[in-house]
Protein backbone atom coordinates (compact mmCIF):
# COMPACT_ATOMS: atom_id res chain seq x y z
CA MET A 1 -0.03 0.04 0.01
CA ARG A 2 1.31 3.46 -0.97
CA VAL A 3 0.31 6.37 1.29
CA VAL A 4 1.22 10.06 1.16
CA HIS A 5 0.69 12.26 4.00
CA VAL A 6 0.13 16.02 3.39
CA HIS A 7 0.61 18.69 6.08
CA ARG A 8 1.01 22.44 6.21
CA MET A 9 4.55 23.03 7.61
CA ARG A 10 5.06 25.87 10.21
CA GLY A 11 7.60 24.12 12.52
CA ILE A 12 7.24 21.33 15.00
CA GLY A 13 4.05 21.23 17.16
CA GLY A 14 1.77 18.43 18.20
CA SER A 15 0.70 17.12 14.83
CA GLU A 16 4.22 17.31 13.41
CA ARG A 17 5.45 15.38 16.35
CA HIS A 18 2.82 12.86 15.76
CA LEU A 19 3.98 12.37 12.25
CA LEU A 20 7.56 11.90 13.15
CA ALA A 21 6.55 8.97 15.36
CA LEU A 22 3.78 7.52 12.91
CA LEU A 23 5.44 7.64 9.69
CA PRO A 24 8.47 5.35 10.41
CA ALA A 25 6.32 2.94 12.31
CA LEU A 26 4.10 2.63 9.22
CA ALA A 27 7.17 2.09 7.06
CA GLU A 28 8.05 -0.73 9.36
CA ARG A 29 4.76 -2.24 8.56
CA ASP A 30 5.54 -2.50 4.81
CA VAL A 31 3.47 0.72 4.04
CA ASP A 32 5.22 2.66 1.11
CA VAL A 33 4.80 5.93 2.99
CA SER A 34 6.11 9.43 1.95
CA PHE A 35 5.40 12.98 2.99
CA LEU A 36 4.36 16.15 1.21
CA GLY A 37 4.94 19.32 3.13
CA LEU A 38 3.00 22.52 2.20
CA ASP A 39 5.70 24.73 3.48
CA ASP A 40 4.69 28.08 4.86
CA PRO A 41 7.33 30.84 3.77
CA GLY A 42 8.97 32.55 6.75
CA TRP A 43 8.93 29.62 9.06
CA ASP A 44 11.72 27.36 10.04
CA VAL A 45 10.68 23.96 8.83
CA ALA A 46 14.13 22.51 8.53
CA PRO A 47 14.16 20.72 11.99
CA PHE A 48 11.06 18.69 11.02
CA TYR A 49 12.59 17.46 7.80
CA ASP A 50 15.87 16.86 9.34
CA ALA A 51 14.08 14.51 11.93
CA LEU A 52 11.77 12.83 9.39
CA GLU A 53 12.78 9.23 8.54
CA VAL A 54 10.83 8.78 5.36
CA PRO A 55 10.89 10.43 1.85
CA ALA A 56 9.65 13.90 1.71
CA ARG A 57 8.78 16.52 -0.87
CA HIS A 58 8.25 20.35 -0.40
CA LEU A 59 5.56 22.37 -2.01
CA ARG A 60 5.02 26.10 -1.72
CA GLY A 61 1.30 25.99 -1.00
CA GLY A 62 -1.22 23.55 -2.57
CA ARG A 63 -1.51 24.62 -6.21
CA ARG A 64 0.72 21.78 -7.59
CA LEU A 65 -0.42 19.22 -5.15
CA ARG A 66 -2.80 17.24 -7.50
CA ARG A 67 -0.01 16.92 -10.18
CA THR A 68 2.52 15.87 -7.67
CA LEU A 69 0.15 13.22 -6.10
CA ALA A 70 -0.63 12.02 -9.54
CA GLY A 71 3.09 11.33 -10.09
CA LEU A 72 3.29 9.51 -6.85
CA ARG A 73 0.28 7.28 -7.65
CA PRO A 74 -0.79 6.75 -4.05
CA ASP A 75 -3.55 4.37 -2.92
CA VAL A 76 -4.38 6.60 0.08
CA VAL A 77 -3.75 10.39 0.64
CA HIS A 78 -3.71 11.25 4.34
CA THR A 79 -4.21 14.97 5.16
CA HIS A 80 -3.65 16.64 8.53
CA LEU A 81 -5.34 19.90 9.64
CA VAL A 82 -7.51 22.33 7.76
CA HIS A 83 -5.17 23.71 5.09
CA ALA A 84 -4.03 20.10 4.00
CA ASP A 85 -7.68 18.95 4.20
CA ALA A 86 -8.79 21.69 1.86
CA TYR A 87 -6.03 21.26 -0.72
CA GLY A 88 -6.25 17.50 -0.40
CA ALA A 89 -9.92 17.50 -0.94
CA LEU A 90 -9.71 19.64 -3.99
CA ALA A 91 -6.89 17.63 -5.46
CA SER A 92 -8.75 14.40 -4.99
CA LEU A 93 -11.83 15.27 -7.14
CA GLY A 94 -12.21 12.53 -9.57
CA ALA A 95 -8.91 11.04 -8.46
CA PRO A 96 -8.27 7.25 -8.06
CA TRP A 97 -6.89 7.35 -4.43
CA ARG A 98 -8.82 7.27 -1.18
CA LEU A 99 -8.65 10.25 1.03
CA VAL A 100 -8.27 10.03 4.80
CA ALA A 101 -8.18 13.15 7.06
CA THR A 102 -7.03 13.36 10.64
CA LYS A 103 -8.69 15.99 13.01
CA HIS A 104 -6.08 17.08 15.66
CA ASN A 105 -7.78 19.68 17.73
CA ASP A 106 -11.29 20.91 18.93
CA ASP A 107 -10.26 24.56 17.96
CA ARG A 108 -13.27 26.80 18.49
CA PHE A 109 -13.50 28.06 14.80
CA ARG A 110 -14.47 24.53 13.80
CA ALA A 111 -17.77 24.88 15.62
CA GLY A 112 -18.48 28.30 14.01
CA PRO A 113 -19.41 29.17 10.34
CA PHE A 114 -16.34 27.24 9.16
CA ARG A 115 -18.21 24.11 9.96
CA TYR A 116 -20.07 24.27 6.72
CA VAL A 117 -16.89 24.38 4.87
CA GLU A 118 -15.49 21.34 6.81
CA ARG A 119 -18.66 19.35 6.31
CA ALA A 120 -18.22 19.90 2.53
CA LEU A 121 -14.54 18.87 2.60
CA THR A 122 -15.31 15.93 4.74
CA ARG A 123 -17.65 14.56 1.94
CA ARG A 124 -14.41 14.04 -0.27
CA ALA A 125 -12.84 11.83 2.60
CA THR A 126 -13.31 8.12 2.63
CA ARG A 127 -12.49 8.00 6.43
CA VAL A 128 -11.72 10.48 9.07
CA ILE A 129 -9.51 9.96 12.15
CA ALA A 130 -10.20 11.73 15.39
CA ILE A 131 -7.12 11.40 17.80
CA THR A 132 -9.45 11.11 20.87
CA HIS A 133 -13.04 10.08 21.62
CA ALA A 134 -13.60 13.64 22.97
CA LEU A 135 -12.61 14.90 19.54
CA LYS A 136 -14.91 12.66 17.76
CA ARG A 137 -17.79 13.78 19.84
CA PHE A 138 -16.73 17.45 19.16
CA SER A 139 -16.59 16.71 15.36
CA VAL A 140 -19.98 15.02 15.46
CA GLU A 141 -21.88 17.27 17.83
CA ARG A 142 -20.44 20.67 17.18
CA VAL A 143 -19.18 20.53 13.63
CA GLY A 144 -21.82 18.05 12.34
CA LEU A 145 -19.49 15.43 10.68
CA PRO A 146 -20.92 11.89 10.18
CA ALA A 147 -20.04 9.59 13.08
CA ALA A 148 -20.07 6.47 10.93
CA LYS A 149 -17.06 8.00 8.89
CA ILE A 150 -14.90 8.75 11.99
CA ASP A 151 -12.35 6.23 13.53
CA VAL A 152 -10.57 7.11 16.86
CA VAL A 153 -6.91 6.58 16.92
CA HIS A 154 -4.98 7.96 19.89
CA TYR A 155 -1.55 9.52 19.49
CA GLY A 156 1.28 7.18 20.38
CA LEU A 157 4.68 7.92 21.79
CA ASP A 158 7.40 5.66 23.24
CA GLU A 159 9.80 8.25 24.39
CA VAL A 160 10.32 12.04 24.93
CA ALA A 161 12.23 13.02 21.85
CA ALA A 162 15.13 15.39 22.05
CA TRP A 163 15.21 18.14 19.36
CA GLY A 164 18.92 19.12 20.10
CA THR A 165 20.97 20.31 22.99
CA GLY A 166 20.29 24.14 22.68
CA GLY A 167 18.47 26.31 25.30
CA ALA A 168 18.57 26.83 28.99
CA SER A 169 19.17 24.02 31.56
CA PRO A 170 16.56 23.01 34.17
CA PRO A 171 16.92 25.01 37.44
CA GLN A 172 18.02 23.65 40.70
CA GLY A 173 15.31 22.77 43.34
CA PRO A 174 11.71 21.88 42.99
CA PHE A 175 9.56 23.44 40.19
CA ALA A 176 6.38 22.65 38.34
CA LEU A 177 6.59 22.47 34.62
CA VAL A 178 4.23 23.40 31.73
CA VAL A 179 5.10 22.44 28.16
CA GLY A 180 3.11 24.32 25.49
CA ARG A 181 2.76 27.11 23.13
CA LEU A 182 2.18 30.50 24.66
CA VAL A 183 -1.33 30.95 23.35
CA GLU A 184 -4.80 31.44 25.14
CA GLN A 185 -5.65 27.64 24.51
CA LYS A 186 -2.88 26.49 26.88
CA GLY A 187 -3.95 28.48 29.89
CA ILE A 188 -0.45 29.54 30.94
CA ASP A 189 -2.02 32.67 32.53
CA VAL A 190 -4.00 30.29 34.86
CA ALA A 191 -0.67 28.56 36.04
CA ILE A 192 0.86 31.93 36.65
CA ARG A 193 -2.01 32.98 38.79
CA ALA A 194 -1.72 29.72 40.66
CA VAL A 195 1.79 30.36 41.57
CA THR A 196 0.70 33.23 43.79
CA GLU A 197 -0.90 30.65 46.10
CA LEU A 198 2.20 28.42 46.16
CA PRO A 199 5.02 30.23 48.03
CA ARG A 200 8.54 29.06 47.25
CA VAL A 201 7.34 27.13 44.30
CA ARG A 202 8.79 28.07 40.89
CA LEU A 203 6.87 27.56 37.64
CA ALA A 204 8.86 26.79 34.41
CA VAL A 205 7.10 27.12 30.89
CA LEU A 206 8.67 25.67 28.04
CA GLY A 207 7.39 27.10 24.72
CA GLU A 208 7.07 30.17 22.57
CA GLY A 209 4.24 32.17 21.12
CA PRO A 210 2.43 35.42 20.84
CA GLU A 211 1.32 35.66 24.38
CA ARG A 212 4.90 35.88 25.81
CA ALA A 213 4.74 39.70 26.54
CA ARG A 214 1.33 39.40 28.20
CA LEU A 215 2.44 36.55 30.33
CA GLU A 216 5.65 38.21 31.52
CA ALA A 217 3.61 41.40 32.39
CA LEU A 218 1.09 39.28 34.29
CA ALA A 219 3.84 37.49 36.37
CA ARG A 220 5.43 40.92 37.19
CA GLU A 221 2.06 42.53 38.09
CA LEU A 222 1.25 39.60 40.42
CA GLY A 223 4.67 39.72 42.14
CA VAL A 224 5.81 36.38 40.87
CA GLY A 225 8.22 37.37 38.09
CA GLU A 226 11.20 35.91 39.67
CA ARG A 227 9.43 32.53 40.19
CA VAL A 228 7.94 32.16 36.64
CA LEU A 229 10.66 31.08 34.15
CA LEU A 230 10.01 31.45 30.36
CA PRO A 231 13.09 30.00 28.77
CA GLY A 232 11.48 29.53 25.37
CA ARG A 233 12.05 26.46 23.40
CA VAL A 234 14.77 24.10 24.60
CA GLY A 235 16.29 21.09 22.78
CA ASP A 236 16.33 18.67 25.64
CA VAL A 237 12.67 18.75 26.94
CA ALA A 238 13.27 15.29 28.48
CA ALA A 239 15.95 16.82 30.92
CA TRP A 240 13.34 19.39 32.11
CA LEU A 241 10.78 16.69 32.51
CA ARG A 242 13.13 14.52 34.66
CA ALA A 243 13.99 17.47 36.90
CA ALA A 244 10.39 18.72 37.40
CA ALA A 245 8.46 17.81 40.65
CA LEU A 246 5.29 17.60 38.59
CA VAL A 247 3.78 18.56 35.29
CA ILE A 248 0.96 21.07 34.95
CA HIS A 249 -1.30 21.24 32.00
CA PRO A 250 -3.75 24.01 32.52
CA VAL A 251 -5.48 24.11 29.07
CA ARG A 252 -8.81 25.64 28.22
CA TRP A 253 -9.50 23.03 25.39
CA GLU A 254 -7.25 20.29 24.01
CA GLY A 255 -7.29 17.83 21.06
CA PHE A 256 -4.94 15.36 22.77
CA GLY A 257 -2.24 16.70 25.10
CA LEU A 258 1.08 15.39 24.02
CA ALA A 259 2.75 17.25 26.80
CA VAL A 260 0.60 15.18 29.17
CA LEU A 261 1.81 12.02 27.59
CA GLU A 262 5.39 13.11 27.82
CA GLY A 263 4.99 13.81 31.50
CA MET A 264 3.59 10.34 31.95
CA LEU A 265 6.55 8.79 29.95
CA SER A 266 8.78 10.64 32.38
CA ALA A 267 7.04 9.18 35.40
CA ARG A 268 5.73 12.59 36.61
CA ALA A 269 2.37 13.09 38.13
CA VAL A 270 0.20 15.60 36.16
CA VAL A 271 -2.15 18.16 37.30
CA ALA A 272 -4.45 19.15 34.31
CA SER A 273 -7.62 20.70 33.47
CA SER A 274 -10.59 18.33 33.07
CA VAL A 275 -11.47 19.44 29.56
CA SER A 276 -11.68 17.85 26.17
CA ALA A 277 -9.52 14.93 25.82
CA VAL A 278 -7.34 15.32 28.86
CA PRO A 279 -9.47 12.80 30.97
CA GLU A 280 -8.69 10.05 28.48
CA LEU A 281 -5.07 10.52 29.47
CA VAL A 282 -5.06 11.33 33.23
CA LEU A 283 -6.78 9.14 35.63
CA ASP A 284 -7.88 11.41 38.36
CA GLY A 285 -6.38 10.46 41.70
CA GLU A 286 -4.38 7.53 39.97
CA THR A 287 -1.97 9.02 37.45
CA GLY A 288 -2.57 12.71 38.42
CA LEU A 289 -5.33 15.17 39.53
CA LEU A 290 -7.96 16.88 37.31
CA VAL A 291 -9.28 20.33 38.07
CA PRO A 292 -11.76 22.74 36.50
CA PRO A 293 -10.43 24.84 33.69
CA ASP A 294 -9.75 28.56 34.34
CA ASP A 295 -9.65 27.85 38.17
CA PRO A 296 -6.21 28.96 39.47
CA ASP A 297 -7.23 28.31 43.07
CA ALA A 298 -8.14 24.72 42.34
CA LEU A 299 -4.96 24.32 40.29
CA ALA A 300 -2.87 25.65 43.13
CA ARG A 301 -4.58 23.37 45.70
CA ALA A 302 -4.00 20.29 43.51
CA ALA A 303 -0.38 21.20 42.75
CA GLY A 304 0.28 22.08 46.40
CA GLU A 305 -1.19 18.75 47.52
CA LEU A 306 1.24 16.66 45.22
CA LEU A 307 4.21 18.99 46.10
CA GLY A 308 3.48 18.46 49.66
CA ALA A 309 3.34 14.69 49.23
CA PRO A 310 6.22 13.53 46.99
CA GLU A 311 5.82 9.90 47.57
CA ARG A 312 2.24 10.18 46.53
CA ALA A 313 3.33 12.15 43.42
CA ALA A 314 6.03 9.61 42.63
CA ALA A 315 3.48 6.69 42.91
CA MET A 316 1.13 8.63 40.48
CA GLY A 317 4.11 9.21 38.17
CA GLU A 318 4.91 5.44 38.00
CA ALA A 319 1.24 4.59 37.31
CA GLY A 320 1.28 7.09 34.57
CA LEU A 321 4.38 5.55 33.07
CA ARG A 322 2.68 2.19 33.06
CA ARG A 323 -0.55 3.58 31.53
CA ALA A 324 1.32 5.52 28.73
CA ARG A 325 3.34 2.26 27.81
CA ALA A 326 0.18 0.11 27.88
CA GLU A 327 -2.30 2.46 26.25
CA PHE A 328 -0.49 5.07 24.08
CA SER A 329 2.36 3.16 22.32
CA VAL A 330 3.61 3.99 18.85
CA ALA A 331 2.78 0.35 17.90
CA ARG A 332 -0.83 0.65 18.93
CA MET A 333 -1.19 3.95 17.01
CA ALA A 334 0.49 2.54 13.81
CA ASP A 335 -1.54 -0.68 13.89
CA ALA A 336 -4.84 1.16 14.39
CA THR A 337 -3.99 3.68 11.54
CA LEU A 338 -3.19 0.82 9.24
CA GLU A 339 -6.64 -0.76 10.00
CA VAL A 340 -8.18 2.63 8.81
CA TYR A 341 -6.28 2.60 5.52
CA GLU A 342 -7.44 -1.04 4.94
CA ARG A 343 -11.10 -0.03 5.91
CA ALA A 344 -10.73 2.95 3.45
CA SER A 345 -9.19 0.91 0.64
CA GLY A 346 -12.08 -1.65 0.89
CA SER A 347 -14.81 1.01 0.85
CA SER A 348 -16.84 1.68 -2.24
CA GLU A 349 -17.20 5.19 -1.26
CA ARG A 350 -15.12 7.83 -3.27
């Protein structure tokens, strides 16, 4: 089976990290897999291609996508996120290949007027993958996609990848760690407000984004500027995870939560918002603690509870590690994805 994955490229985020794990695993299962990147000018996409272990081609936008795909003669074209979904659907009009689209996030715009566009695009897809059950429910109930067309395939990860050695080193002493883009969705401001209720606790946030200036100003305004560390992106995230006392994931919505899975693989207890897909990863009271979103007081209480009981936190971390290995492995993800391709290839729908 020949499969071509298509994704708009703007660096390495959750969906890109997913592909870096999935594509080599598919190749190991005798899938002839390759990648087509719709490269966004002005963004540094080289680290992704450097890490990618399957053949890849670059396109500037999607205008030549159909011609390129025709030359590759795939059995399945697999698109990721809205830009690739749109270009892939247009390129597949009357084409002989099957189209599979993965939904990676429950972004709010998907439930707005854009839902009519997404419904039209999805008619071109033979199968749709949602990366969590929560995301499938969102896609059906809020967007209006047909439930019968959607398969759930969780992300899989076997280890925390290192993207190099650059960036700051972890601080000495106990600290709570957030890994995520500095955007509204990730709720970093909630974690900063929680720190005001946790004397002597430092918060480190690994990531970059448009909210940086606002978050730095908020930390200074609340008098915790010296205890909130914003080192940006670092190469060795695993080193920070190993050094952290616990992982905090204060998101407002979330398609999956790779940072949660990385925390679990690092045997760290996780304190996270009970929203979207997060409860599918974090078992409340077993592998971590779940709190309401946008509630810094509840977040502070939960984090303080685990910081004050390191043995309990360690036990939760070990339980999370066992759960990650059993339920969210790359092998499970690749096998389930291959089943979707086989289902799509056997379908009479075009």
